[in-house]
Amino acid sequence: MLISISKLDRASRRALRWMMVRLCTLLTIWSFPWVVGKIPLAQVLVILSLTFTMTSLMAMFVATLRRERFGAASLNTWDEAAVFCGLAVLVHAVHRVAY
């Protein structure tokens, strides 16, 4: 079920925006060496998987410090942690299948 971003509340839009900034930043930083030919794609996938795992753990830590409610009506840091955990599993699976 797709939801238009304009229909989300302010807190959800802010959480989604920050998650996308983090995701784009991490992808840019860790894929740049592969693009310029310094490291192979397999190594980039391992690094991305580990980075997404650490980002997920840090988001869980921040959500705990902020005392955010798990499963709240608005998107929050717990949802960000779940997204990065899923991305870590997905990238790890792609690496295992491809290499």
N, C-alpha and C. Protein backbone atom coordinates (compact mmCIF):
# COMPACT_ATOMS: atom_id res chain seq x y z
N MET A 1 0.84 -1.17 0.00
CA MET A 1 0.00 0.00 0.00
C MET A 1 0.89 1.25 0.00
N LEU A 2 0.81 2.02 -1.04
CA LEU A 2 1.60 3.24 -1.15
C LEU A 2 0.83 4.42 -0.59
N ILE A 3 1.52 5.26 0.14
CA ILE A 3 0.91 6.45 0.71
C ILE A 3 1.66 7.66 0.17
N SER A 4 0.93 8.66 -0.22
CA SER A 4 1.55 9.88 -0.70
C SER A 4 2.28 10.56 0.46
N ILE A 5 3.46 11.07 0.18
CA ILE A 5 4.24 11.74 1.22
C ILE A 5 3.49 12.95 1.77
N SER A 6 2.73 13.62 0.93
CA SER A 6 2.00 14.80 1.39
C SER A 6 0.92 14.45 2.41
N LYS A 7 0.49 13.19 2.45
CA LYS A 7 -0.54 12.77 3.41
C LYS A 7 0.05 12.39 4.77
N LEU A 8 1.36 12.30 4.86
CA LEU A 8 2.00 11.97 6.14
C LEU A 8 2.01 13.19 7.05
N ASP A 9 2.02 12.93 8.35
CA ASP A 9 2.11 14.05 9.28
C ASP A 9 3.53 14.63 9.30
N ARG A 10 3.67 15.74 9.97
CA ARG A 10 4.95 16.48 9.96
C ARG A 10 6.10 15.64 10.52
N ALA A 11 5.86 14.96 11.63
CA ALA A 11 6.91 14.15 12.25
C ALA A 11 7.34 13.00 11.32
N SER A 12 6.39 12.40 10.63
CA SER A 12 6.72 11.31 9.71
C SER A 12 7.52 11.81 8.52
N ARG A 13 7.13 12.97 7.99
CA ARG A 13 7.89 13.53 6.87
C ARG A 13 9.31 13.87 7.29
N ARG A 14 9.49 14.40 8.49
CA ARG A 14 10.83 14.74 8.98
C ARG A 14 11.67 13.47 9.15
N ALA A 15 11.07 12.42 9.74
CA ALA A 15 11.80 11.16 9.93
C ALA A 15 12.18 10.53 8.59
N LEU A 16 11.26 10.59 7.64
CA LEU A 16 11.53 10.03 6.31
C LEU A 16 12.62 10.81 5.60
N ARG A 17 12.58 12.13 5.73
CA ARG A 17 13.61 12.98 5.10
C ARG A 17 14.99 12.67 5.67
N TRP A 18 15.12 12.57 7.00
CA TRP A 18 16.42 12.29 7.60
C TRP A 18 16.92 10.90 7.26
N MET A 19 15.99 9.93 7.17
CA MET A 19 16.40 8.59 6.79
C MET A 19 16.95 8.59 5.36
N MET A 20 16.31 9.30 4.47
CA MET A 20 16.77 9.37 3.08
C MET A 20 18.11 10.09 2.97
N VAL A 21 18.31 11.12 3.78
CA VAL A 21 19.60 11.82 3.78
C VAL A 21 20.70 10.86 4.23
N ARG A 22 20.45 10.10 5.30
CA ARG A 22 21.45 9.14 5.77
C ARG A 22 21.72 8.06 4.72
N LEU A 23 20.66 7.55 4.11
CA LEU A 23 20.82 6.50 3.11
C LEU A 23 21.62 7.00 1.91
N CYS A 24 21.28 8.15 1.39
CA CYS A 24 22.01 8.70 0.24
C CYS A 24 23.46 9.00 0.58
N THR A 25 23.69 9.50 1.78
CA THR A 25 25.06 9.79 2.21
C THR A 25 25.88 8.51 2.30
N LEU A 26 25.33 7.49 2.93
CA LEU A 26 26.07 6.22 3.06
C LEU A 26 26.32 5.58 1.70
N LEU A 27 25.32 5.58 0.84
CA LEU A 27 25.51 4.99 -0.49
C LEU A 27 26.55 5.75 -1.30
N THR A 28 26.55 7.06 -1.19
CA THR A 28 27.52 7.86 -1.93
C THR A 28 28.94 7.62 -1.42
N ILE A 29 29.09 7.64 -0.11
CA ILE A 29 30.42 7.47 0.48
C ILE A 29 31.01 6.10 0.15
N TRP A 30 30.21 5.04 0.32
CA TRP A 30 30.75 3.70 0.18
C TRP A 30 30.76 3.18 -1.25
N SER A 31 29.99 3.78 -2.15
CA SER A 31 30.05 3.30 -3.54
C SER A 31 31.06 4.08 -4.37
N PHE A 32 31.50 5.23 -3.89
CA PHE A 32 32.47 6.02 -4.65
C PHE A 32 33.76 5.26 -4.97
N PRO A 33 34.38 4.56 -4.01
CA PRO A 33 35.60 3.82 -4.36
C PRO A 33 35.37 2.76 -5.43
N TRP A 34 34.19 2.15 -5.46
CA TRP A 34 33.89 1.16 -6.50
C TRP A 34 33.73 1.84 -7.86
N VAL A 35 33.09 3.00 -7.87
CA VAL A 35 32.86 3.71 -9.13
C VAL A 35 34.19 4.11 -9.76
N VAL A 36 35.15 4.56 -8.95
CA VAL A 36 36.44 4.97 -9.50
C VAL A 36 37.39 3.79 -9.67
N GLY A 37 36.94 2.58 -9.33
CA GLY A 37 37.74 1.39 -9.59
C GLY A 37 38.76 1.04 -8.53
N LYS A 38 38.61 1.54 -7.32
CA LYS A 38 39.61 1.26 -6.27
C LYS A 38 39.35 -0.05 -5.54
N ILE A 39 38.08 -0.42 -5.35
CA ILE A 39 37.76 -1.68 -4.67
C ILE A 39 36.67 -2.41 -5.45
N PRO A 40 36.65 -3.75 -5.36
CA PRO A 40 35.65 -4.53 -6.10
C PRO A 40 34.25 -4.40 -5.47
N LEU A 41 33.24 -4.70 -6.27
CA LEU A 41 31.85 -4.58 -5.82
C LEU A 41 31.56 -5.49 -4.63
N ALA A 42 32.16 -6.67 -4.60
CA ALA A 42 31.92 -7.59 -3.48
C ALA A 42 32.32 -6.95 -2.15
N GLN A 43 33.42 -6.24 -2.15
CA GLN A 43 33.88 -5.58 -0.93
C GLN A 43 32.96 -4.42 -0.56
N VAL A 44 32.45 -3.70 -1.55
CA VAL A 44 31.51 -2.61 -1.29
C VAL A 44 30.24 -3.16 -0.65
N LEU A 45 29.76 -4.31 -1.14
CA LEU A 45 28.55 -4.91 -0.57
C LEU A 45 28.76 -5.32 0.88
N VAL A 46 29.90 -5.86 1.20
CA VAL A 46 30.19 -6.23 2.59
C VAL A 46 30.23 -4.98 3.47
N ILE A 47 30.90 -3.95 3.00
CA ILE A 47 31.00 -2.71 3.75
C ILE A 47 29.62 -2.08 3.94
N LEU A 48 28.81 -2.07 2.88
CA LEU A 48 27.46 -1.51 2.99
C LEU A 48 26.61 -2.30 3.98
N SER A 49 26.71 -3.62 3.94
CA SER A 49 25.95 -4.44 4.87
C SER A 49 26.33 -4.14 6.32
N LEU A 50 27.62 -4.05 6.57
CA LEU A 50 28.08 -3.73 7.93
C LEU A 50 27.68 -2.31 8.34
N THR A 51 27.76 -1.37 7.41
CA THR A 51 27.40 0.01 7.71
C THR A 51 25.91 0.13 8.00
N PHE A 52 25.08 -0.56 7.21
CA PHE A 52 23.64 -0.53 7.47
C PHE A 52 23.31 -1.18 8.81
N THR A 53 24.03 -2.23 9.17
CA THR A 53 23.81 -2.87 10.47
C THR A 53 24.16 -1.91 11.60
N MET A 54 25.30 -1.24 11.48
CA MET A 54 25.70 -0.29 12.53
C MET A 54 24.75 0.90 12.59
N THR A 55 24.27 1.36 11.44
CA THR A 55 23.32 2.46 11.42
C THR A 55 22.02 2.05 12.09
N SER A 56 21.60 0.82 11.86
CA SER A 56 20.39 0.31 12.50
C SER A 56 20.57 0.24 14.02
N LEU A 57 21.70 -0.26 14.46
CA LEU A 57 21.96 -0.33 15.91
C LEU A 57 22.03 1.06 16.53
N MET A 58 22.65 2.00 15.84
CA MET A 58 22.72 3.37 16.36
C MET A 58 21.33 4.00 16.41
N ALA A 59 20.50 3.73 15.42
CA ALA A 59 19.13 4.27 15.43
C ALA A 59 18.34 3.68 16.60
N MET A 60 18.54 2.41 16.90
CA MET A 60 17.88 1.80 18.05
C MET A 60 18.33 2.46 19.35
N PHE A 61 19.62 2.72 19.44
CA PHE A 61 20.17 3.38 20.62
C PHE A 61 19.59 4.78 20.78
N VAL A 62 19.54 5.54 19.69
CA VAL A 62 18.99 6.90 19.74
C VAL A 62 17.51 6.86 20.09
N ALA A 63 16.76 5.93 19.52
CA ALA A 63 15.33 5.82 19.83
C ALA A 63 15.12 5.50 21.31
N THR A 64 15.99 4.67 21.86
CA THR A 64 15.89 4.35 23.28
C THR A 64 16.21 5.58 24.13
N LEU A 65 17.25 6.32 23.76
CA LEU A 65 17.59 7.53 24.51
C LEU A 65 16.48 8.58 24.44
N ARG A 66 15.85 8.70 23.28
CA ARG A 66 14.76 9.67 23.12
C ARG A 66 13.44 9.17 23.71
N ARG A 67 13.42 7.92 24.12
CA ARG A 67 12.22 7.29 24.66
C ARG A 67 11.05 7.34 23.68
N GLU A 68 11.36 7.08 22.43
CA GLU A 68 10.32 7.06 21.40
C GLU A 68 9.52 5.77 21.53
N ARG A 69 8.26 5.85 21.23
CA ARG A 69 7.38 4.71 21.33
C ARG A 69 7.53 3.81 20.10
N PHE A 70 7.72 2.53 20.35
CA PHE A 70 7.82 1.56 19.27
C PHE A 70 6.43 1.34 18.68
N GLY A 71 6.30 1.43 17.37
CA GLY A 71 5.01 1.23 16.73
C GLY A 71 4.08 2.42 16.86
N ALA A 72 4.65 3.62 16.98
CA ALA A 72 3.83 4.83 17.10
C ALA A 72 3.10 5.12 15.79
N ALA A 73 2.12 5.99 15.86
CA ALA A 73 1.34 6.35 14.67
C ALA A 73 2.20 7.06 13.63
N SER A 74 3.16 7.87 14.08
CA SER A 74 4.07 8.58 13.19
C SER A 74 5.35 7.77 13.01
N LEU A 75 5.98 7.98 11.87
CA LEU A 75 7.29 7.36 11.66
C LEU A 75 8.28 7.98 12.64
N ASN A 76 9.16 7.16 13.17
CA ASN A 76 10.17 7.67 14.10
C ASN A 76 11.47 6.91 13.91
N THR A 77 12.37 7.02 14.85
CA THR A 77 13.69 6.42 14.73
C THR A 77 13.64 4.90 14.75
N TRP A 78 12.62 4.33 15.42
CA TRP A 78 12.47 2.87 15.39
C TRP A 78 12.20 2.38 13.98
N ASP A 79 11.41 3.12 13.23
CA ASP A 79 11.14 2.74 11.85
C ASP A 79 12.39 2.85 10.99
N GLU A 80 13.18 3.87 11.26
CA GLU A 80 14.46 4.02 10.56
C GLU A 80 15.38 2.83 10.85
N ALA A 81 15.40 2.41 12.11
CA ALA A 81 16.22 1.25 12.48
C ALA A 81 15.75 0.00 11.74
N ALA A 82 14.45 -0.17 11.61
CA ALA A 82 13.91 -1.33 10.90
C ALA A 82 14.28 -1.29 9.42
N VAL A 83 14.22 -0.11 8.82
CA VAL A 83 14.57 0.03 7.40
C VAL A 83 16.05 -0.31 7.18
N PHE A 84 16.93 0.23 8.00
CA PHE A 84 18.35 -0.05 7.82
C PHE A 84 18.69 -1.50 8.13
N CYS A 85 17.98 -2.11 9.06
CA CYS A 85 18.19 -3.53 9.33
C CYS A 85 17.77 -4.35 8.11
N GLY A 86 16.65 -4.02 7.52
CA GLY A 86 16.21 -4.71 6.31
C GLY A 86 17.16 -4.52 5.15
N LEU A 87 17.68 -3.31 5.01
CA LEU A 87 18.66 -3.06 3.95
C LEU A 87 19.94 -3.86 4.16
N ALA A 88 20.36 -3.98 5.42
CA ALA A 88 21.56 -4.77 5.73
C ALA A 88 21.36 -6.23 5.34
N VAL A 89 20.20 -6.78 5.66
CA VAL A 89 19.90 -8.16 5.31
C VAL A 89 19.83 -8.32 3.79
N LEU A 90 19.19 -7.38 3.11
CA LEU A 90 19.07 -7.44 1.65
C LEU A 90 20.44 -7.39 0.97
N VAL A 91 21.28 -6.46 1.37
CA VAL A 91 22.61 -6.33 0.77
C VAL A 91 23.45 -7.57 1.07
N HIS A 92 23.34 -8.09 2.28
CA HIS A 92 24.07 -9.31 2.64
C HIS A 92 23.60 -10.49 1.78
N ALA A 93 22.30 -10.60 1.57
CA ALA A 93 21.77 -11.68 0.74
C ALA A 93 22.24 -11.55 -0.71
N VAL A 94 22.25 -10.34 -1.23
CA VAL A 94 22.74 -10.12 -2.60
C VAL A 94 24.20 -10.52 -2.70
N HIS A 95 24.98 -10.16 -1.70
CA HIS A 95 26.40 -10.52 -1.70
C HIS A 95 26.58 -12.04 -1.66
N ARG A 96 25.80 -12.72 -0.81
CA ARG A 96 25.93 -14.16 -0.70
C ARG A 96 25.53 -14.88 -1.99
N VAL A 97 24.51 -14.37 -2.67
CA VAL A 97 24.04 -15.01 -3.89
C VAL A 97 25.00 -14.72 -5.05
N ALA A 98 25.48 -13.49 -5.13
CA ALA A 98 26.29 -13.07 -6.28
C ALA A 98 27.75 -13.50 -6.16
N TYR A 99 28.25 -13.68 -4.95
CA TYR A 99 29.69 -13.97 -4.81
C TYR A 99 29.91 -15.20 -4.02
